[in-house]
């Protein structure tokens, strides 16, 4: 199924189910008000959302036109945002751009940082910064939303915890990263709020690509 969050004047928006062709949506807030609330009770709520999604496909429930401009990031804010560099060639190129060599260990021990998740940018909204001299840049990435992952989880346990898949424009202020990392305490000011795709999909929607 495909899920989205519509802007409604609140911090967390309103949860809706979107049709497979991304043209229509139906309100899901009678089941659960927000996507975060759905994730907090996923095993109970997900089957009801799946039923609603099938009803939307057969026109058995009221629907409206889905407009990306009305959507927030599926999670307008989150408890956690961790970014791991799984595409190592990209890491190598980015580090070269700031004159840094990539350690060979990155091929087996990926770079990861904990970013700010108190707010994300809606997918169709401008990404505004105080000054273009900050070197505003973005990276297109794949994001997964996970349920509780136990400490020391196996690869299989971690995979089973994945609930949703999204795309993300990971925003970076390139002119700030070098001086900030030189302090020895990681990203903070150089990693502002990022923007996610208008919809989040369950892995089964990806078919053989998953």
N, C-alpha and C. Protein backbone atom coordinates (compact mmCIF):
# COMPACT_ATOMS: atom_id res chain seq x y z
N UNK A 1 0.84 -1.20 0.00
CA UNK A 1 0.00 0.00 0.00
C UNK A 1 0.87 1.24 0.00
N UNK A 2 0.26 2.34 -0.39
CA UNK A 2 0.95 3.63 -0.44
C UNK A 2 0.28 4.57 0.57
N UNK A 3 1.09 5.19 1.41
CA UNK A 3 0.59 6.07 2.46
C UNK A 3 1.19 7.46 2.30
N UNK A 4 0.40 8.46 2.66
CA UNK A 4 0.87 9.84 2.58
C UNK A 4 0.32 10.62 3.77
N UNK A 5 0.92 11.76 4.00
CA UNK A 5 0.47 12.67 5.05
C UNK A 5 0.11 14.00 4.40
N UNK A 6 -1.14 14.42 4.57
CA UNK A 6 -1.58 15.69 4.02
C UNK A 6 -1.40 16.80 5.06
N UNK A 7 -1.03 17.97 4.60
CA UNK A 7 -0.94 19.13 5.47
C UNK A 7 -2.34 19.49 5.98
N UNK A 8 -2.45 19.73 7.27
CA UNK A 8 -3.74 20.15 7.83
C UNK A 8 -3.58 21.19 8.93
N UNK A 9 -2.43 21.85 8.97
CA UNK A 9 -2.21 22.88 9.96
C UNK A 9 -1.66 22.38 11.28
N UNK A 10 -1.46 21.07 11.42
CA UNK A 10 -0.87 20.52 12.63
C UNK A 10 0.56 20.06 12.34
N UNK A 11 1.29 19.76 13.39
CA UNK A 11 2.69 19.36 13.21
C UNK A 11 2.84 18.04 12.46
N UNK A 12 1.89 17.13 12.64
CA UNK A 12 2.05 15.78 12.10
C UNK A 12 1.11 15.45 10.95
N UNK A 13 0.25 16.40 10.55
CA UNK A 13 -0.60 16.20 9.40
C UNK A 13 -1.65 15.11 9.58
N UNK A 14 -2.27 14.71 8.46
CA UNK A 14 -3.35 13.72 8.46
C UNK A 14 -2.98 12.56 7.56
N UNK A 15 -3.15 11.35 8.06
CA UNK A 15 -2.81 10.15 7.30
C UNK A 15 -3.86 9.84 6.24
N UNK A 16 -3.40 9.54 5.03
CA UNK A 16 -4.29 9.09 3.95
C UNK A 16 -3.66 7.89 3.26
N UNK A 17 -4.51 7.12 2.59
CA UNK A 17 -4.06 6.02 1.74
C UNK A 17 -4.16 6.49 0.29
N UNK A 18 -3.12 6.25 -0.49
CA UNK A 18 -3.05 6.73 -1.87
C UNK A 18 -3.18 5.54 -2.83
N UNK A 19 -3.86 5.76 -3.94
CA UNK A 19 -4.05 4.70 -4.93
C UNK A 19 -2.72 4.30 -5.56
N UNK A 20 -2.68 3.11 -6.13
CA UNK A 20 -1.44 2.60 -6.71
C UNK A 20 -0.94 3.47 -7.86
N UNK A 21 -1.87 4.11 -8.58
CA UNK A 21 -1.44 4.98 -9.68
C UNK A 21 -1.17 6.41 -9.23
N UNK A 22 -1.23 6.65 -7.92
CA UNK A 22 -0.89 7.94 -7.31
C UNK A 22 -1.83 9.08 -7.71
N UNK A 23 -3.03 8.76 -8.16
CA UNK A 23 -3.95 9.82 -8.60
C UNK A 23 -5.01 10.17 -7.57
N UNK A 24 -5.32 9.23 -6.64
CA UNK A 24 -6.42 9.46 -5.71
C UNK A 24 -5.99 9.08 -4.29
N UNK A 25 -6.73 9.63 -3.32
CA UNK A 25 -6.48 9.23 -1.93
C UNK A 25 -7.80 9.09 -1.21
N UNK A 26 -7.76 8.37 -0.11
CA UNK A 26 -8.90 8.29 0.78
C UNK A 26 -8.43 8.52 2.21
N UNK A 27 -9.26 9.15 2.99
CA UNK A 27 -8.92 9.52 4.36
C UNK A 27 -8.76 8.26 5.22
N UNK A 28 -7.68 8.20 5.97
CA UNK A 28 -7.45 7.07 6.89
C UNK A 28 -7.50 7.50 8.34
N UNK A 29 -7.82 8.77 8.58
CA UNK A 29 -7.73 9.30 9.94
C UNK A 29 -8.81 8.73 10.87
N UNK A 30 -9.84 8.09 10.31
CA UNK A 30 -10.84 7.45 11.17
C UNK A 30 -10.26 6.18 11.80
N UNK A 31 -9.22 5.64 11.17
CA UNK A 31 -8.52 4.49 11.74
C UNK A 31 -7.43 4.91 12.71
N UNK A 32 -6.64 5.89 12.27
CA UNK A 32 -5.51 6.38 13.07
C UNK A 32 -5.16 7.77 12.53
N UNK A 33 -4.91 8.74 13.38
CA UNK A 33 -4.79 10.12 12.89
C UNK A 33 -3.53 10.41 12.08
N UNK A 34 -2.42 9.78 12.42
CA UNK A 34 -1.14 10.13 11.79
C UNK A 34 -0.36 8.87 11.44
N UNK A 35 0.62 9.03 10.57
CA UNK A 35 1.47 7.89 10.22
C UNK A 35 2.26 7.42 11.43
N UNK A 36 2.75 8.34 12.25
CA UNK A 36 3.50 7.92 13.43
C UNK A 36 2.63 7.08 14.35
N UNK A 37 1.37 7.47 14.52
CA UNK A 37 0.47 6.68 15.36
C UNK A 37 0.25 5.29 14.76
N UNK A 38 0.19 5.21 13.44
CA UNK A 38 0.05 3.90 12.79
C UNK A 38 1.28 3.04 13.03
N UNK A 39 2.46 3.64 12.93
CA UNK A 39 3.70 2.89 13.16
C UNK A 39 3.80 2.41 14.60
N UNK A 40 3.30 3.20 15.53
CA UNK A 40 3.36 2.83 16.94
C UNK A 40 2.49 1.61 17.26
N UNK A 41 1.51 1.32 16.39
CA UNK A 41 0.60 0.19 16.60
C UNK A 41 0.46 -0.59 15.30
N UNK A 42 1.59 -0.80 14.61
CA UNK A 42 1.58 -1.29 13.23
C UNK A 42 0.90 -2.64 13.07
N UNK A 43 1.18 -3.58 13.93
CA UNK A 43 0.65 -4.93 13.73
C UNK A 43 -0.88 -4.94 13.79
N UNK A 44 -1.46 -4.05 14.55
CA UNK A 44 -2.92 -3.99 14.63
C UNK A 44 -3.50 -3.12 13.52
N UNK A 45 -2.84 -2.00 13.21
CA UNK A 45 -3.39 -1.02 12.28
C UNK A 45 -3.14 -1.39 10.82
N UNK A 46 -1.98 -1.96 10.51
CA UNK A 46 -1.61 -2.22 9.11
C UNK A 46 -2.64 -3.04 8.34
N UNK A 47 -3.22 -4.11 8.92
CA UNK A 47 -4.23 -4.86 8.15
C UNK A 47 -5.45 -4.00 7.79
N UNK A 48 -5.85 -3.11 8.67
CA UNK A 48 -6.99 -2.23 8.38
C UNK A 48 -6.63 -1.24 7.27
N UNK A 49 -5.41 -0.73 7.29
CA UNK A 49 -4.97 0.18 6.22
C UNK A 49 -4.90 -0.56 4.89
N UNK A 50 -4.46 -1.81 4.92
CA UNK A 50 -4.39 -2.60 3.69
C UNK A 50 -5.78 -2.84 3.11
N UNK A 51 -6.74 -3.11 3.97
CA UNK A 51 -8.12 -3.28 3.52
C UNK A 51 -8.65 -2.00 2.91
N UNK A 52 -8.34 -0.88 3.53
CA UNK A 52 -8.76 0.42 3.00
C UNK A 52 -8.11 0.67 1.64
N UNK A 53 -6.86 0.28 1.49
CA UNK A 53 -6.16 0.46 0.21
C UNK A 53 -6.83 -0.34 -0.89
N UNK A 54 -7.23 -1.57 -0.60
CA UNK A 54 -7.92 -2.39 -1.60
C UNK A 54 -9.29 -1.80 -1.94
N UNK A 55 -9.97 -1.27 -0.94
CA UNK A 55 -11.27 -0.63 -1.18
C UNK A 55 -11.12 0.60 -2.07
N UNK A 56 -10.01 1.31 -1.90
CA UNK A 56 -9.75 2.47 -2.75
C UNK A 56 -9.55 2.05 -4.20
N UNK A 57 -8.86 0.93 -4.42
CA UNK A 57 -8.61 0.46 -5.78
C UNK A 57 -9.90 0.04 -6.49
N UNK A 58 -10.88 -0.42 -5.73
CA UNK A 58 -12.15 -0.86 -6.33
C UNK A 58 -13.23 0.21 -6.25
N UNK A 59 -12.84 1.42 -5.87
CA UNK A 59 -13.78 2.55 -5.76
C UNK A 59 -14.90 2.29 -4.77
N UNK A 60 -14.60 1.51 -3.73
CA UNK A 60 -15.60 1.17 -2.73
C UNK A 60 -15.65 2.18 -1.58
N UNK A 61 -14.73 3.14 -1.59
CA UNK A 61 -14.71 4.18 -0.55
C UNK A 61 -14.59 5.54 -1.23
N UNK A 62 -15.04 6.60 -0.57
CA UNK A 62 -14.90 7.94 -1.15
C UNK A 62 -13.42 8.27 -1.38
N UNK A 63 -13.15 9.00 -2.44
CA UNK A 63 -11.77 9.39 -2.72
C UNK A 63 -11.72 10.78 -3.32
N UNK A 64 -10.55 11.37 -3.26
CA UNK A 64 -10.31 12.69 -3.84
C UNK A 64 -9.02 12.65 -4.65
N UNK A 65 -8.85 13.66 -5.50
CA UNK A 65 -7.64 13.76 -6.30
C UNK A 65 -6.44 13.99 -5.39
N UNK A 66 -5.36 13.22 -5.62
CA UNK A 66 -4.15 13.39 -4.83
C UNK A 66 -3.23 14.39 -5.51
N UNK A 67 -2.91 15.45 -4.78
CA UNK A 67 -2.00 16.48 -5.28
C UNK A 67 -0.75 16.49 -4.40
N UNK A 68 0.41 16.30 -5.00
CA UNK A 68 1.66 16.27 -4.24
C UNK A 68 1.90 17.56 -3.47
N UNK A 69 1.42 18.69 -4.00
CA UNK A 69 1.65 19.97 -3.34
C UNK A 69 0.93 20.05 -1.99
N UNK A 70 -0.08 19.22 -1.79
CA UNK A 70 -0.81 19.22 -0.52
C UNK A 70 -0.20 18.26 0.49
N UNK A 71 0.82 17.53 0.08
CA UNK A 71 1.41 16.51 0.94
C UNK A 71 2.59 17.07 1.73
N UNK A 72 2.70 16.59 2.94
CA UNK A 72 3.91 16.81 3.73
C UNK A 72 4.83 15.61 3.49
N UNK A 73 6.04 15.63 4.02
CA UNK A 73 6.81 14.40 4.07
C UNK A 73 5.97 13.37 4.84
N UNK A 74 6.01 12.09 4.45
CA UNK A 74 5.16 11.11 5.12
C UNK A 74 5.25 11.17 6.65
N UNK A 75 6.46 11.36 7.16
CA UNK A 75 6.65 11.66 8.58
C UNK A 75 7.16 13.10 8.67
N UNK A 76 6.31 14.06 9.02
CA UNK A 76 6.76 15.45 9.12
C UNK A 76 7.83 15.66 10.19
N UNK A 77 7.89 14.76 11.14
CA UNK A 77 8.96 14.71 12.14
C UNK A 77 9.05 13.26 12.61
N UNK A 78 10.18 12.89 13.15
CA UNK A 78 10.38 11.49 13.52
C UNK A 78 11.21 11.39 14.79
N UNK A 79 11.10 10.24 15.44
CA UNK A 79 11.88 10.02 16.65
C UNK A 79 13.36 9.84 16.35
N UNK A 80 13.67 9.41 15.14
CA UNK A 80 15.06 9.09 14.80
C UNK A 80 15.27 9.28 13.30
N UNK A 81 16.44 9.79 12.93
CA UNK A 81 16.84 9.89 11.52
C UNK A 81 18.31 9.55 11.47
N UNK A 82 18.61 8.33 11.03
CA UNK A 82 19.99 7.86 10.94
C UNK A 82 20.31 7.64 9.47
N UNK A 83 21.42 8.17 9.02
CA UNK A 83 21.80 8.12 7.61
C UNK A 83 23.09 7.31 7.47
N UNK A 84 22.99 6.20 6.76
CA UNK A 84 24.15 5.35 6.54
C UNK A 84 24.56 5.37 5.07
N UNK A 85 25.84 5.37 4.81
CA UNK A 85 26.35 5.45 3.44
C UNK A 85 26.58 4.05 2.88
N UNK A 86 25.54 3.51 2.24
CA UNK A 86 25.63 2.17 1.67
C UNK A 86 26.21 2.18 0.27
N UNK A 87 26.13 3.32 -0.43
CA UNK A 87 26.67 3.44 -1.78
C UNK A 87 28.06 4.06 -1.69
N UNK A 88 29.07 3.21 -1.56
CA UNK A 88 30.40 3.66 -1.17
C UNK A 88 31.06 4.52 -2.25
N UNK A 89 30.78 4.25 -3.51
CA UNK A 89 31.37 5.06 -4.57
C UNK A 89 30.94 6.52 -4.44
N UNK A 90 29.69 6.73 -4.05
CA UNK A 90 29.20 8.10 -3.83
C UNK A 90 29.95 8.76 -2.68
N UNK A 91 30.17 8.02 -1.61
CA UNK A 91 30.92 8.56 -0.46
C UNK A 91 32.31 9.00 -0.90
N UNK A 92 32.94 8.18 -1.72
CA UNK A 92 34.29 8.48 -2.20
C UNK A 92 34.31 9.79 -2.99
N UNK A 93 33.32 9.97 -3.87
CA UNK A 93 33.26 11.18 -4.69
C UNK A 93 32.99 12.42 -3.84
N UNK A 94 32.08 12.30 -2.87
CA UNK A 94 31.75 13.44 -2.00
C UNK A 94 32.96 13.85 -1.18
N UNK A 95 33.70 12.88 -0.66
CA UNK A 95 34.88 13.21 0.14
C UNK A 95 35.96 13.86 -0.72
N UNK A 96 36.11 13.40 -1.95
CA UNK A 96 37.08 14.02 -2.85
C UNK A 96 36.73 15.47 -3.12
N UNK A 97 35.42 15.77 -3.16
CA UNK A 97 34.97 17.13 -3.44
C UNK A 97 35.42 18.10 -2.37
N UNK A 98 35.64 17.60 -1.15
CA UNK A 98 36.12 18.48 -0.09
C UNK A 98 37.58 18.20 0.26
N UNK A 99 38.27 17.46 -0.63
CA UNK A 99 39.69 17.23 -0.45
C UNK A 99 40.05 16.21 0.60
N UNK A 100 39.14 15.26 0.85
CA UNK A 100 39.40 14.25 1.88
C UNK A 100 39.44 12.86 1.25
N UNK A 101 40.34 12.02 1.74
CA UNK A 101 40.43 10.65 1.26
C UNK A 101 39.43 9.77 2.01
N UNK A 102 38.93 8.76 1.34
CA UNK A 102 38.01 7.83 1.98
C UNK A 102 38.78 6.65 2.58
N UNK A 103 38.62 6.38 3.86
CA UNK A 103 39.30 5.22 4.46
C UNK A 103 38.83 3.92 3.81
N UNK A 104 39.72 2.98 3.63
CA UNK A 104 39.38 1.70 3.02
C UNK A 104 38.35 0.94 3.85
N UNK A 105 38.30 1.21 5.15
CA UNK A 105 37.36 0.50 6.03
C UNK A 105 35.90 0.81 5.70
N UNK A 106 35.65 1.92 4.97
CA UNK A 106 34.27 2.28 4.64
C UNK A 106 33.59 1.23 3.77
N UNK A 107 34.38 0.38 3.09
CA UNK A 107 33.79 -0.67 2.26
C UNK A 107 33.16 -1.77 3.11
N UNK A 108 33.59 -1.89 4.35
CA UNK A 108 33.06 -2.95 5.23
C UNK A 108 32.41 -2.38 6.49
N UNK A 109 32.71 -1.14 6.83
CA UNK A 109 32.17 -0.51 8.04
C UNK A 109 31.62 0.86 7.64
N UNK A 110 30.36 0.93 7.20
CA UNK A 110 29.83 2.15 6.57
C UNK A 110 29.82 3.36 7.50
N UNK A 111 29.98 4.51 6.90
CA UNK A 111 29.81 5.78 7.60
C UNK A 111 28.35 5.94 7.98
N UNK A 112 28.07 6.40 9.18
CA UNK A 112 26.69 6.64 9.61
C UNK A 112 26.67 7.83 10.55
N UNK A 113 25.65 8.63 10.43
CA UNK A 113 25.49 9.75 11.37
C UNK A 113 24.03 9.86 11.77
N UNK A 114 23.80 10.49 12.92
CA UNK A 114 22.45 10.72 13.42
C UNK A 114 22.08 12.16 13.13
N UNK A 115 21.10 12.35 12.24
CA UNK A 115 20.70 13.70 11.85
C UNK A 115 19.53 14.22 12.66
N UNK A 116 19.23 15.49 12.45
CA UNK A 116 18.08 16.09 13.11
C UNK A 116 16.78 15.61 12.50
N UNK A 117 15.81 15.26 13.34
CA UNK A 117 14.53 14.76 12.83
C UNK A 117 13.35 15.49 13.44
N UNK A 118 13.62 16.65 14.07
CA UNK A 118 12.53 17.39 14.70
C UNK A 118 11.60 18.02 13.68
N UNK A 119 12.07 18.19 12.44
CA UNK A 119 11.19 18.67 11.36
C UNK A 119 11.77 18.26 10.02
N UNK A 120 10.87 17.91 9.09
CA UNK A 120 11.27 17.64 7.71
C UNK A 120 10.51 18.58 6.79
N UNK A 121 11.02 18.75 5.58
CA UNK A 121 10.45 19.69 4.61
C UNK A 121 9.44 18.95 3.74
N UNK A 122 8.27 19.54 3.47
CA UNK A 122 7.33 18.92 2.53
C UNK A 122 7.97 18.72 1.16
N UNK A 123 7.58 17.67 0.44
CA UNK A 123 8.28 17.30 -0.79
C UNK A 123 8.24 18.34 -1.90
N UNK A 124 7.21 19.16 -1.93
CA UNK A 124 7.10 20.16 -3.00
C UNK A 124 7.36 21.58 -2.51
N UNK A 125 7.75 21.74 -1.26
CA UNK A 125 8.04 23.07 -0.73
C UNK A 125 9.47 23.49 -1.07
N UNK A 126 9.72 24.79 -1.17
CA UNK A 126 11.10 25.25 -1.36
C UNK A 126 11.96 24.85 -0.15
N UNK A 127 13.22 24.54 -0.42
CA UNK A 127 14.17 24.27 0.65
C UNK A 127 14.93 25.56 0.89
N UNK A 128 14.58 26.26 1.95
CA UNK A 128 15.09 27.61 2.20
C UNK A 128 16.25 27.58 3.20
N UNK A 129 17.27 28.35 2.89
CA UNK A 129 18.42 28.52 3.79
C UNK A 129 18.71 30.00 3.96
N UNK A 130 19.45 30.33 5.00
CA UNK A 130 19.71 31.74 5.30
C UNK A 130 20.64 32.39 4.29
N UNK A 131 21.52 31.59 3.67
CA UNK A 131 22.53 32.18 2.78
C UNK A 131 22.99 31.13 1.77
N UNK A 132 22.98 31.47 0.48
CA UNK A 132 23.44 30.53 -0.54
C UNK A 132 24.93 30.24 -0.43
N UNK A 133 25.64 31.10 0.27
CA UNK A 133 27.08 30.88 0.47
C UNK A 133 27.36 29.65 1.34
N UNK A 134 26.33 29.11 1.97
CA UNK A 134 26.51 27.89 2.76
C UNK A 134 26.82 26.68 1.88
N UNK A 135 26.64 26.81 0.56
CA UNK A 135 26.90 25.68 -0.34
C UNK A 135 25.80 24.65 -0.31
N UNK A 136 24.57 25.08 -0.58
CA UNK A 136 23.41 24.20 -0.48
C UNK A 136 23.48 23.09 -1.53
N UNK A 137 23.36 21.86 -1.08
CA UNK A 137 23.43 20.71 -1.97
C UNK A 137 22.47 19.65 -1.44
N UNK A 138 22.17 18.67 -2.27
CA UNK A 138 21.34 17.57 -1.81
C UNK A 138 21.79 16.28 -2.47
N UNK A 139 21.47 15.18 -1.80
CA UNK A 139 21.77 13.85 -2.31
C UNK A 139 20.47 13.06 -2.38
N UNK A 140 20.21 12.41 -3.51
CA UNK A 140 19.03 11.55 -3.65
C UNK A 140 19.32 10.21 -2.99
N UNK A 141 18.48 9.83 -2.05
CA UNK A 141 18.73 8.62 -1.28
C UNK A 141 17.45 7.80 -1.12
N UNK A 142 17.63 6.56 -0.74
CA UNK A 142 16.52 5.67 -0.38
C UNK A 142 16.44 5.62 1.14
N UNK A 143 15.23 5.73 1.67
CA UNK A 143 15.03 5.69 3.12
C UNK A 143 14.07 4.55 3.48
N UNK A 144 14.32 3.92 4.59
CA UNK A 144 13.39 2.93 5.11
C UNK A 144 12.92 3.37 6.49
N UNK A 145 11.66 3.07 6.77
CA UNK A 145 11.07 3.33 8.08
C UNK A 145 10.97 2.00 8.79
N UNK A 146 11.54 1.92 9.97
CA UNK A 146 11.58 0.64 10.68
C UNK A 146 10.73 0.67 11.94
N UNK A 147 10.29 -0.49 12.33
CA UNK A 147 9.64 -0.71 13.61
C UNK A 147 10.75 -0.87 14.65
N UNK A 148 10.41 -1.29 15.84
CA UNK A 148 11.44 -1.52 16.86
C UNK A 148 12.42 -2.58 16.37
N UNK A 149 13.71 -2.26 16.44
CA UNK A 149 14.76 -3.20 16.03
C UNK A 149 15.51 -3.62 17.30
N UNK A 150 15.51 -4.90 17.64
CA UNK A 150 16.17 -5.32 18.88
C UNK A 150 17.68 -5.13 18.82
N UNK A 151 18.28 -4.88 19.97
CA UNK A 151 19.73 -4.76 20.04
C UNK A 151 20.37 -6.06 19.56
N UNK A 152 21.41 -5.93 18.75
CA UNK A 152 22.09 -7.11 18.25
C UNK A 152 21.30 -7.89 17.22
N UNK A 153 20.38 -7.21 16.53
CA UNK A 153 19.52 -7.89 15.56
C UNK A 153 20.35 -8.50 14.43
N UNK A 154 19.89 -9.65 13.95
CA UNK A 154 20.50 -10.28 12.79
C UNK A 154 20.05 -9.53 11.53
N UNK A 155 20.68 -9.84 10.40
CA UNK A 155 20.26 -9.22 9.14
C UNK A 155 18.79 -9.51 8.86
N UNK A 156 18.37 -10.74 9.12
CA UNK A 156 16.98 -11.12 8.87
C UNK A 156 16.03 -10.36 9.79
N UNK A 157 16.39 -10.24 11.06
CA UNK A 157 15.55 -9.50 12.01
C UNK A 157 15.45 -8.03 11.62
N UNK A 158 16.55 -7.46 11.17
CA UNK A 158 16.54 -6.06 10.75
C UNK A 158 15.66 -5.89 9.51
N UNK A 159 15.76 -6.81 8.57
CA UNK A 159 14.93 -6.73 7.36
C UNK A 159 13.45 -6.84 7.70
N UNK A 160 13.11 -7.73 8.62
CA UNK A 160 11.72 -7.92 9.00
C UNK A 160 11.14 -6.69 9.71
N UNK A 161 12.00 -5.83 10.24
CA UNK A 161 11.53 -4.63 10.93
C UNK A 161 11.19 -3.49 9.98
N UNK A 162 11.54 -3.62 8.69
CA UNK A 162 11.26 -2.55 7.73
C UNK A 162 9.77 -2.50 7.44
N UNK A 163 9.19 -1.34 7.63
CA UNK A 163 7.75 -1.16 7.40
C UNK A 163 7.46 -0.41 6.11
N UNK A 164 8.24 0.62 5.81
CA UNK A 164 7.96 1.48 4.66
C UNK A 164 9.25 1.88 3.97
N UNK A 165 9.12 2.24 2.70
CA UNK A 165 10.25 2.70 1.90
C UNK A 165 9.90 4.06 1.30
N UNK A 166 10.85 4.99 1.31
CA UNK A 166 10.64 6.33 0.77
C UNK A 166 11.88 6.76 0.01
N UNK A 167 11.76 7.90 -0.66
CA UNK A 167 12.91 8.60 -1.21
C UNK A 167 13.17 9.83 -0.37
N UNK A 168 14.41 10.32 -0.39
CA UNK A 168 14.74 11.50 0.41
C UNK A 168 15.73 12.39 -0.33
N UNK A 169 15.50 13.68 -0.28
CA UNK A 169 16.49 14.68 -0.67
C UNK A 169 17.25 15.04 0.60
N UNK A 170 18.41 14.45 0.76
CA UNK A 170 19.23 14.69 1.96
C UNK A 170 20.03 15.97 1.75
N UNK A 171 19.68 17.01 2.48
CA UNK A 171 20.26 18.34 2.27
C UNK A 171 21.56 18.48 3.05
N UNK A 172 22.56 19.04 2.40
CA UNK A 172 23.87 19.28 3.02
C UNK A 172 24.34 20.68 2.68
N UNK A 173 24.95 21.35 3.63
CA UNK A 173 25.56 22.66 3.41
C UNK A 173 27.06 22.43 3.27
N UNK A 174 27.51 22.27 2.03
CA UNK A 174 28.87 21.82 1.75
C UNK A 174 29.94 22.77 2.29
N UNK A 175 29.66 24.07 2.28
CA UNK A 175 30.67 25.03 2.74
C UNK A 175 30.87 24.96 4.26
N UNK A 176 29.96 24.30 4.94
CA UNK A 176 30.04 24.23 6.41
C UNK A 176 30.57 22.88 6.87
N UNK A 177 30.42 21.84 6.06
CA UNK A 177 30.81 20.50 6.52
C UNK A 177 32.28 20.39 6.91
N UNK A 178 33.17 20.93 6.08
CA UNK A 178 34.60 20.82 6.38
C UNK A 178 34.97 21.43 7.72
N UNK A 179 34.68 22.73 7.93
CA UNK A 179 35.01 23.35 9.22
C UNK A 179 34.31 22.66 10.40
N UNK A 180 33.09 22.18 10.17
CA UNK A 180 32.38 21.54 11.27
C UNK A 180 33.01 20.20 11.64
N UNK A 181 33.33 19.39 10.65
CA UNK A 181 33.95 18.09 10.93
C UNK A 181 35.34 18.24 11.53
N UNK A 182 36.02 19.34 11.20
CA UNK A 182 37.35 19.58 11.75
C UNK A 182 37.32 19.76 13.26
N UNK A 183 36.16 20.10 13.80
CA UNK A 183 36.02 20.23 15.25
C UNK A 183 36.02 18.86 15.94
N UNK A 184 35.82 17.80 15.15
CA UNK A 184 35.88 16.45 15.70
C UNK A 184 34.62 15.97 16.38
N UNK A 185 33.48 16.60 16.07
CA UNK A 185 32.26 16.20 16.77
C UNK A 185 31.09 15.97 15.82
N UNK A 186 31.35 15.80 14.54
CA UNK A 186 30.31 15.38 13.60
C UNK A 186 29.41 16.46 13.06
N UNK A 187 28.46 16.02 12.19
CA UNK A 187 27.52 16.94 11.55
C UNK A 187 26.52 17.51 12.55
N UNK A 188 26.21 18.78 12.38
CA UNK A 188 25.09 19.40 13.09
C UNK A 188 24.56 20.57 12.27
N UNK A 189 25.30 21.67 12.24
CA UNK A 189 24.86 22.84 11.49
C UNK A 189 24.83 22.60 9.99
N UNK A 190 25.68 21.72 9.50
CA UNK A 190 25.78 21.49 8.06
C UNK A 190 24.73 20.53 7.52
N UNK A 191 23.87 19.99 8.39
CA UNK A 191 22.83 19.05 7.96
C UNK A 191 21.46 19.56 8.40
N UNK A 192 20.85 20.47 7.62
CA UNK A 192 19.52 20.98 7.96
C UNK A 192 18.43 19.97 7.61
N UNK A 193 17.18 20.37 7.76
CA UNK A 193 16.05 19.47 7.49
C UNK A 193 16.04 19.00 6.05
N UNK A 194 15.77 17.72 5.86
CA UNK A 194 15.67 17.13 4.53
C UNK A 194 14.21 17.00 4.13
N UNK A 195 13.98 16.63 2.86
CA UNK A 195 12.63 16.46 2.33
C UNK A 195 12.46 15.04 1.81
N UNK A 196 11.29 14.46 2.06
CA UNK A 196 11.03 13.09 1.64
C UNK A 196 9.98 13.05 0.53
N UNK A 197 9.87 11.90 -0.11
CA UNK A 197 8.90 11.72 -1.20
C UNK A 197 7.47 11.91 -0.70
N UNK A 198 6.54 12.26 -1.59
CA UNK A 198 5.15 12.49 -1.17
C UNK A 198 4.48 11.26 -0.57
N UNK A 199 4.93 10.07 -0.98
CA UNK A 199 4.32 8.85 -0.45
C UNK A 199 5.40 7.92 0.10
N UNK A 200 4.97 7.10 1.05
CA UNK A 200 5.78 6.00 1.56
C UNK A 200 5.08 4.71 1.17
N UNK A 201 5.83 3.71 0.76
CA UNK A 201 5.22 2.47 0.28
C UNK A 201 5.68 1.30 1.12
N UNK A 202 4.79 0.32 1.26
CA UNK A 202 5.20 -0.92 1.90
C UNK A 202 6.07 -1.70 0.93
N UNK A 203 7.03 -2.50 1.42
CA UNK A 203 7.97 -3.17 0.53
C UNK A 203 7.31 -4.02 -0.56
N UNK A 204 6.14 -4.60 -0.29
CA UNK A 204 5.49 -5.44 -1.29
C UNK A 204 5.11 -4.66 -2.54
N UNK A 205 4.95 -3.33 -2.43
CA UNK A 205 4.62 -2.51 -3.59
C UNK A 205 5.77 -2.48 -4.61
N UNK A 206 6.97 -2.82 -4.17
CA UNK A 206 8.13 -2.77 -5.04
C UNK A 206 8.32 -4.05 -5.85
N UNK A 207 7.54 -5.08 -5.55
CA UNK A 207 7.59 -6.31 -6.33
C UNK A 207 8.97 -6.94 -6.34
N UNK A 208 9.43 -7.32 -7.54
CA UNK A 208 10.73 -7.99 -7.66
C UNK A 208 11.90 -7.07 -7.37
N UNK A 209 11.65 -5.77 -7.31
CA UNK A 209 12.74 -4.82 -7.01
C UNK A 209 13.12 -4.85 -5.53
N UNK A 210 12.32 -5.49 -4.71
CA UNK A 210 12.60 -5.53 -3.27
C UNK A 210 13.43 -6.77 -2.94
